[in-house]
Amino acid sequence: RWQLRRLSTLMGTNYVIWHRYLTALG
């Protein structure tokens, strides 16, 4: 999906995310 559509989803573990986005989303 990333190669063809630039889409992916989180898998619950082994990921990083900007703190500011988590805060903004509540």
PDB file of all heavy atoms in Angstrom:
ATOM      1  N   ARG A   1       0.827  -1.214   0.000  1.00  0.00           N
ATOM      2  CA  ARG A   1       0.000   0.000   0.000  1.00  0.00           C
ATOM      3  C   ARG A   1       0.858   1.260   0.000  1.00  0.00           C
ATOM      4  O   ARG A   1       0.513   2.251  -0.640  1.00  0.00           O
ATOM      5  CB  ARG A   1      -0.924   0.016   1.226  1.00  0.00           C
ATOM      6  CG  ARG A   1      -2.183  -0.811   1.060  1.00  0.00           C
ATOM      7  CD  ARG A   1      -3.120  -0.608   2.213  1.00  0.00           C
ATOM      8  NE  ARG A   1      -2.466  -0.876   3.493  1.00  0.00           N
ATOM      9  CZ  ARG A   1      -2.946  -0.500   4.667  1.00  0.00           C
ATOM     10  NH1 ARG A   1      -4.064   0.198   4.732  1.00  0.00           N
ATOM     11  NH2 ARG A   1      -2.310  -0.803   5.779  1.00  0.00           N
ATOM     12  N   TRP A   2       1.968   1.238   0.752  1.00  0.00           N
ATOM     13  CA  TRP A   2       2.818   2.423   0.753  1.00  0.00           C
ATOM     14  C   TRP A   2       3.425   2.677  -0.627  1.00  0.00           C
ATOM     15  O   TRP A   2       3.474   3.811  -1.111  1.00  0.00           O
ATOM     16  CB  TRP A   2       3.933   2.285   1.794  1.00  0.00           C
ATOM     17  CG  TRP A   2       4.842   3.481   1.781  1.00  0.00           C
ATOM     18  CD1 TRP A   2       6.075   3.570   1.213  1.00  0.00           C
ATOM     19  CD2 TRP A   2       4.553   4.779   2.309  1.00  0.00           C
ATOM     20  NE1 TRP A   2       6.589   4.830   1.371  1.00  0.00           N
ATOM     21  CE2 TRP A   2       5.671   5.601   2.037  1.00  0.00           C
ATOM     22  CE3 TRP A   2       3.466   5.320   3.000  1.00  0.00           C
ATOM     23  CZ2 TRP A   2       5.724   6.933   2.429  1.00  0.00           C
ATOM     24  CZ3 TRP A   2       3.525   6.654   3.387  1.00  0.00           C
ATOM     25  CH2 TRP A   2       4.642   7.440   3.104  1.00  0.00           C
ATOM     26  N   GLN A   3       3.870   1.624  -1.279  1.00  0.00           N
ATOM     27  CA  GLN A   3       4.487   1.772  -2.592  1.00  0.00           C
ATOM     28  C   GLN A   3       3.493   2.301  -3.626  1.00  0.00           C
ATOM     29  O   GLN A   3       3.832   3.166  -4.441  1.00  0.00           O
ATOM     30  CB  GLN A   3       5.040   0.417  -3.060  1.00  0.00           C
ATOM     31  CG  GLN A   3       5.699   0.436  -4.425  1.00  0.00           C
ATOM     32  CD  GLN A   3       6.997   1.208  -4.438  1.00  0.00           C
ATOM     33  OE1 GLN A   3       7.680   1.291  -3.419  1.00  0.00           O
ATOM     34  NE2 GLN A   3       7.355   1.777  -5.577  1.00  0.00           N
ATOM     35  N   LEU A   4       2.262   1.798  -3.598  1.00  0.00           N
ATOM     36  CA  LEU A   4       1.289   2.136  -4.632  1.00  0.00           C
ATOM     37  C   LEU A   4       0.426   3.340  -4.291  1.00  0.00           C
ATOM     38  O   LEU A   4      -0.004   4.073  -5.186  1.00  0.00           O
ATOM     39  CB  LEU A   4       0.378   0.929  -4.895  1.00  0.00           C
ATOM     40  CG  LEU A   4       1.070  -0.344  -5.399  1.00  0.00           C
ATOM     41  CD1 LEU A   4       0.053  -1.460  -5.571  1.00  0.00           C
ATOM     42  CD2 LEU A   4       1.817  -0.080  -6.703  1.00  0.00           C
ATOM     43  N   ARG A   5       0.161   3.566  -2.983  1.00  0.00           N
ATOM     44  CA  ARG A   5      -0.821   4.600  -2.611  1.00  0.00           C
ATOM     45  C   ARG A   5      -0.344   5.544  -1.524  1.00  0.00           C
ATOM     46  O   ARG A   5      -1.082   6.418  -1.089  1.00  0.00           O
ATOM     47  CB  ARG A   5      -2.120   3.930  -2.137  1.00  0.00           C
ATOM     48  CG  ARG A   5      -2.723   2.971  -3.138  1.00  0.00           C
ATOM     49  CD  ARG A   5      -3.787   2.119  -2.471  1.00  0.00           C
ATOM     50  NE  ARG A   5      -4.256   1.058  -3.341  1.00  0.00           N
ATOM     51  CZ  ARG A   5      -4.851  -0.051  -2.915  1.00  0.00           C
ATOM     52  NH1 ARG A   5      -5.044  -0.228  -1.611  1.00  0.00           N
ATOM     53  NH2 ARG A   5      -5.244  -0.976  -3.752  1.00  0.00           N
ATOM     54  N   ARG A   6       0.895   5.343  -1.029  1.00  0.00           N
ATOM     55  CA  ARG A   6       1.411   6.142   0.084  1.00  0.00           C
ATOM     56  C   ARG A   6       0.490   6.068   1.296  1.00  0.00           C
ATOM     57  O   ARG A   6       0.228   7.055   1.973  1.00  0.00           O
ATOM     58  CB  ARG A   6       1.638   7.592  -0.348  1.00  0.00           C
ATOM     59  CG  ARG A   6       2.845   7.765  -1.277  1.00  0.00           C
ATOM     60  CD  ARG A   6       4.126   7.323  -0.564  1.00  0.00           C
ATOM     61  NE  ARG A   6       5.340   7.563  -1.323  1.00  0.00           N
ATOM     62  CZ  ARG A   6       5.944   6.663  -2.096  1.00  0.00           C
ATOM     63  NH1 ARG A   6       5.419   5.458  -2.245  1.00  0.00           N
ATOM     64  NH2 ARG A   6       7.051   6.946  -2.728  1.00  0.00           N
ATOM     65  N   LEU A   7      -0.004   4.846   1.577  1.00  0.00           N
ATOM     66  CA  LEU A   7      -0.867   4.614   2.727  1.00  0.00           C
ATOM     67  C   LEU A   7      -0.298   3.492   3.580  1.00  0.00           C
ATOM     68  O   LEU A   7       0.283   2.535   3.077  1.00  0.00           O
ATOM     69  CB  LEU A   7      -2.289   4.226   2.287  1.00  0.00           C
ATOM     70  CG  LEU A   7      -3.155   5.314   1.663  1.00  0.00           C
ATOM     71  CD1 LEU A   7      -4.469   4.723   1.174  1.00  0.00           C
ATOM     72  CD2 LEU A   7      -3.415   6.435   2.652  1.00  0.00           C
ATOM     73  N   SER A   8      -0.486   3.606   4.882  1.00  0.00           N
ATOM     74  CA  SER A   8      -0.107   2.561   5.813  1.00  0.00           C
ATOM     75  C   SER A   8      -0.860   2.808   7.111  1.00  0.00           C
ATOM     76  O   SER A   8      -1.479   3.861   7.291  1.00  0.00           O
ATOM     77  CB  SER A   8       1.410   2.579   6.050  1.00  0.00           C
ATOM     78  OG  SER A   8       1.804   1.520   6.892  1.00  0.00           O
ATOM     79  N   THR A   9      -0.828   1.843   8.015  1.00  0.00           N
ATOM     80  CA  THR A   9      -1.500   1.992   9.299  1.00  0.00           C
ATOM     81  C   THR A   9      -0.572   1.540  10.420  1.00  0.00           C
ATOM     82  O   THR A   9       0.343   0.749  10.211  1.00  0.00           O
ATOM     83  CB  THR A   9      -2.790   1.146   9.358  1.00  0.00           C
ATOM     84  OG1 THR A   9      -2.499  -0.194   8.954  1.00  0.00           O
ATOM     85  CG2 THR A   9      -3.870   1.719   8.446  1.00  0.00           C
ATOM     86  N   LEU A  10      -0.833   2.044  11.616  1.00  0.00           N
ATOM     87  CA  LEU A  10      -0.076   1.618  12.787  1.00  0.00           C
ATOM     88  C   LEU A  10      -0.414   0.174  13.129  1.00  0.00           C
ATOM     89  O   LEU A  10      -1.515  -0.301  12.835  1.00  0.00           O
ATOM     90  CB  LEU A  10      -0.392   2.523  13.974  1.00  0.00           C
ATOM     91  CG  LEU A  10      -0.076   4.007  13.794  1.00  0.00           C
ATOM     92  CD1 LEU A  10      -0.529   4.792  15.017  1.00  0.00           C
ATOM     93  CD2 LEU A  10       1.400   4.225  13.530  1.00  0.00           C
ATOM     94  N   MET A  11       0.526  -0.503  13.783  1.00  0.00           N
ATOM     95  CA  MET A  11       0.338  -1.904  14.129  1.00  0.00           C
ATOM     96  C   MET A  11       0.354  -2.163  15.630  1.00  0.00           C
ATOM     97  O   MET A  11       0.435  -3.290  16.077  1.00  0.00           O
ATOM     98  CB  MET A  11       1.399  -2.762  13.448  1.00  0.00           C
ATOM     99  CG  MET A  11       1.247  -2.822  11.945  1.00  0.00           C
ATOM    100  SD  MET A  11       2.526  -3.831  11.171  1.00  0.00           S
ATOM    101  CE  MET A  11       2.302  -5.383  12.015  1.00  0.00           C
ATOM    102  N   GLY A  12       0.324  -1.106  16.427  1.00  0.00           N
ATOM    103  CA  GLY A  12       0.180  -1.280  17.863  1.00  0.00           C
ATOM    104  C   GLY A  12       1.477  -1.383  18.626  1.00  0.00           C
ATOM    105  O   GLY A  12       1.497  -1.247  19.845  1.00  0.00           O
ATOM    106  N   THR A  13       2.575  -1.633  17.934  1.00  0.00           N
ATOM    107  CA  THR A  13       3.882  -1.750  18.593  1.00  0.00           C
ATOM    108  C   THR A  13       4.978  -1.413  17.592  1.00  0.00           C
ATOM    109  O   THR A  13       4.760  -1.438  16.372  1.00  0.00           O
ATOM    110  CB  THR A  13       4.093  -3.169  19.158  1.00  0.00           C
ATOM    111  OG1 THR A  13       5.249  -3.198  19.989  1.00  0.00           O
ATOM    112  CG2 THR A  13       4.235  -4.199  18.045  1.00  0.00           C
ATOM    113  N   ASN A  14       6.160  -1.053  18.128  1.00  0.00           N
ATOM    114  CA  ASN A  14       7.312  -0.732  17.287  1.00  0.00           C
ATOM    115  C   ASN A  14       7.005   0.427  16.342  1.00  0.00           C
ATOM    116  O   ASN A  14       7.291   0.363  15.151  1.00  0.00           O
ATOM    117  CB  ASN A  14       7.750  -1.969  16.491  1.00  0.00           C
ATOM    118  CG  ASN A  14       9.145  -1.810  15.889  1.00  0.00           C
ATOM    119  OD1 ASN A  14      10.006  -1.141  16.443  1.00  0.00           O
ATOM    120  ND2 ASN A  14       9.364  -2.439  14.742  1.00  0.00           N
ATOM    121  N   TYR A  15       6.418   1.489  16.885  1.00  0.00           N
ATOM    122  CA  TYR A  15       6.196   2.672  16.060  1.00  0.00           C
ATOM    123  C   TYR A  15       6.553   3.936  16.830  1.00  0.00           C
ATOM    124  O   TYR A  15       6.602   3.941  18.068  1.00  0.00           O
ATOM    125  CB  TYR A  15       4.762   2.744  15.531  1.00  0.00           C
ATOM    126  CG  TYR A  15       3.663   3.038  16.527  1.00  0.00           C
ATOM    127  CD1 TYR A  15       3.347   4.343  16.884  1.00  0.00           C
ATOM    128  CD2 TYR A  15       2.899   2.008  17.071  1.00  0.00           C
ATOM    129  CE1 TYR A  15       2.308   4.610  17.773  1.00  0.00           C
ATOM    130  CE2 TYR A  15       1.869   2.270  17.950  1.00  0.00           C
ATOM    131  CZ  TYR A  15       1.576   3.573  18.303  1.00  0.00           C
ATOM    132  OH  TYR A  15       0.552   3.842  19.178  1.00  0.00           O
ATOM    133  N   VAL A  16       6.833   5.001  16.071  1.00  0.00           N
ATOM    134  CA  VAL A  16       7.087   6.327  16.638  1.00  0.00           C
ATOM    135  C   VAL A  16       6.096   7.309  16.045  1.00  0.00           C
ATOM    136  O   VAL A  16       5.680   7.172  14.884  1.00  0.00           O
ATOM    137  CB  VAL A  16       8.539   6.796  16.372  1.00  0.00           C
ATOM    138  CG1 VAL A  16       9.532   5.919  17.114  1.00  0.00           C
ATOM    139  CG2 VAL A  16       8.860   6.813  14.876  1.00  0.00           C
ATOM    140  N   ILE A  17       5.726   8.298  16.845  1.00  0.00           N
ATOM    141  CA  ILE A  17       4.766   9.309  16.416  1.00  0.00           C
ATOM    142  C   ILE A  17       5.121  10.615  17.108  1.00  0.00           C
ATOM    143  O   ILE A  17       5.534  10.617  18.269  1.00  0.00           O
ATOM    144  CB  ILE A  17       3.318   8.864  16.749  1.00  0.00           C
ATOM    145  CG1 ILE A  17       2.299   9.906  16.260  1.00  0.00           C
ATOM    146  CG2 ILE A  17       3.138   8.569  18.222  1.00  0.00           C
ATOM    147  CD1 ILE A  17       0.856   9.422  16.354  1.00  0.00           C
ATOM    148  N   TRP A  18       4.986  11.715  16.380  1.00  0.00           N
ATOM    149  CA  TRP A  18       5.266  13.015  16.994  1.00  0.00           C
ATOM    150  C   TRP A  18       4.321  13.252  18.170  1.00  0.00           C
ATOM    151  O   TRP A  18       3.118  13.091  18.045  1.00  0.00           O
ATOM    152  CB  TRP A  18       5.115  14.129  15.969  1.00  0.00           C
ATOM    153  CG  TRP A  18       6.176  14.157  14.908  1.00  0.00           C
ATOM    154  CD1 TRP A  18       6.010  13.885  13.583  1.00  0.00           C
ATOM    155  CD2 TRP A  18       7.556  14.495  15.074  1.00  0.00           C
ATOM    156  NE1 TRP A  18       7.198  14.017  12.907  1.00  0.00           N
ATOM    157  CE2 TRP A  18       8.176  14.404  13.799  1.00  0.00           C
ATOM    158  CE3 TRP A  18       8.343  14.865  16.165  1.00  0.00           C
ATOM    159  CZ2 TRP A  18       9.525  14.655  13.606  1.00  0.00           C
ATOM    160  CZ3 TRP A  18       9.700  15.123  15.967  1.00  0.00           C
ATOM    161  CH2 TRP A  18      10.275  15.025  14.704  1.00  0.00           C
ATOM    162  N   HIS A  19       4.892  13.643  19.292  1.00  0.00           N
ATOM    163  CA  HIS A  19       4.108  13.882  20.507  1.00  0.00           C
ATOM    164  C   HIS A  19       3.034  14.941  20.260  1.00  0.00           C
ATOM    165  O   HIS A  19       1.901  14.825  20.750  1.00  0.00           O
ATOM    166  CB  HIS A  19       5.054  14.333  21.627  1.00  0.00           C
ATOM    167  CG  HIS A  19       4.465  14.257  22.993  1.00  0.00           C
ATOM    168  ND1 HIS A  19       5.229  14.203  24.142  1.00  0.00           N
ATOM    169  CD2 HIS A  19       3.174  14.226  23.430  1.00  0.00           C
ATOM    170  CE1 HIS A  19       4.451  14.146  25.197  1.00  0.00           C
ATOM    171  NE2 HIS A  19       3.195  14.165  24.781  1.00  0.00           N
ATOM    172  N   ARG A  20       3.368  15.956  19.495  1.00  0.00           N
ATOM    173  CA  ARG A  20       2.431  17.063  19.278  1.00  0.00           C
ATOM    174  C   ARG A  20       1.168  16.607  18.548  1.00  0.00           C
ATOM    175  O   ARG A  20       0.083  17.148  18.782  1.00  0.00           O
ATOM    176  CB  ARG A  20       3.107  18.199  18.514  1.00  0.00           C
ATOM    177  CG  ARG A  20       3.572  17.854  17.099  1.00  0.00           C
ATOM    178  CD  ARG A  20       4.282  19.059  16.457  1.00  0.00           C
ATOM    179  NE  ARG A  20       4.705  18.801  15.096  1.00  0.00           N
ATOM    180  CZ  ARG A  20       5.890  18.287  14.773  1.00  0.00           C
ATOM    181  NH1 ARG A  20       6.747  17.954  15.733  1.00  0.00           N
ATOM    182  NH2 ARG A  20       6.223  18.105  13.502  1.00  0.00           N
ATOM    183  N   TYR A  21       1.296  15.598  17.687  1.00  0.00           N
ATOM    184  CA  TYR A  21       0.111  15.111  16.979  1.00  0.00           C
ATOM    185  C   TYR A  21      -0.798  14.322  17.919  1.00  0.00           C
ATOM    186  O   TYR A  21      -2.027  14.443  17.860  1.00  0.00           O
ATOM    187  CB  TYR A  21       0.521  14.245  15.787  1.00  0.00           C
ATOM    188  CG  TYR A  21       1.162  15.017  14.659  1.00  0.00           C
ATOM    189  CD1 TYR A  21       2.332  14.571  14.065  1.00  0.00           C
ATOM    190  CD2 TYR A  21       0.604  16.202  14.198  1.00  0.00           C
ATOM    191  CE1 TYR A  21       2.931  15.277  13.035  1.00  0.00           C
ATOM    192  CE2 TYR A  21       1.192  16.918  13.170  1.00  0.00           C
ATOM    193  CZ  TYR A  21       2.358  16.450  12.598  1.00  0.00           C
ATOM    194  OH  TYR A  21       2.945  17.163  11.581  1.00  0.00           O
ATOM    195  N   LEU A  22      -0.191  13.506  18.772  1.00  0.00           N
ATOM    196  CA  LEU A  22      -0.998  12.773  19.754  1.00  0.00           C
ATOM    197  C   LEU A  22      -1.745  13.741  20.667  1.00  0.00           C
ATOM    198  O   LEU A  22      -2.923  13.537  20.985  1.00  0.00           O
ATOM    199  CB  LEU A  22      -0.098  11.867  20.597  1.00  0.00           C
ATOM    200  CG  LEU A  22       0.201  10.473  20.054  1.00  0.00           C
ATOM    201  CD1 LEU A  22       1.139   9.736  20.998  1.00  0.00           C
ATOM    202  CD2 LEU A  22      -1.076   9.682  19.854  1.00  0.00           C
ATOM    203  N   THR A  23      -1.062  14.788  21.099  1.00  0.00           N
ATOM    204  CA  THR A  23      -1.698  15.783  21.969  1.00  0.00           C
ATOM    205  C   THR A  23      -2.833  16.491  21.234  1.00  0.00           C
ATOM    206  O   THR A  23      -3.924  16.685  21.782  1.00  0.00           O
ATOM    207  CB  THR A  23      -0.655  16.806  22.452  1.00  0.00           C
ATOM    208  OG1 THR A  23       0.394  16.124  23.147  1.00  0.00           O
ATOM    209  CG2 THR A  23      -1.294  17.831  23.372  1.00  0.00           C
ATOM    210  N   ALA A  24      -2.590  16.882  19.982  1.00  0.00           N
ATOM    211  CA  ALA A  24      -3.605  17.588  19.204  1.00  0.00           C
ATOM    212  C   ALA A  24      -4.851  16.729  18.982  1.00  0.00           C
ATOM    213  O   ALA A  24      -5.981  17.252  18.937  1.00  0.00           O
ATOM    214  CB  ALA A  24      -3.026  18.029  17.866  1.00  0.00           C
ATOM    215  N   LEU A  25      -4.656  15.413  18.861  1.00  0.00           N
ATOM    216  CA  LEU A  25      -5.777  14.512  18.619  1.00  0.00           C
ATOM    217  C   LEU A  25      -6.449  14.034  19.909  1.00  0.00           C
ATOM    218  O   LEU A  25      -7.409  13.271  19.861  1.00  0.00           O
ATOM    219  CB  LEU A  25      -5.306  13.299  17.809  1.00  0.00           C
ATOM    220  CG  LEU A  25      -4.860  13.601  16.373  1.00  0.00           C
ATOM    221  CD1 LEU A  25      -4.268  12.361  15.721  1.00  0.00           C
ATOM    222  CD2 LEU A  25      -6.030  14.134  15.548  1.00  0.00           C
ATOM    223  N   GLY A  26      -5.944  14.469  21.061  1.00  0.00           N
ATOM    224  CA  GLY A  26      -6.583  14.111  22.329  1.00  0.00           C
ATOM    225  C   GLY A  26      -6.235  12.736  22.851  1.00  0.00           C
ATOM    226  O   GLY A  26      -6.980  12.181  23.664  1.00  0.00           O
TER     227      GLY A  26
END
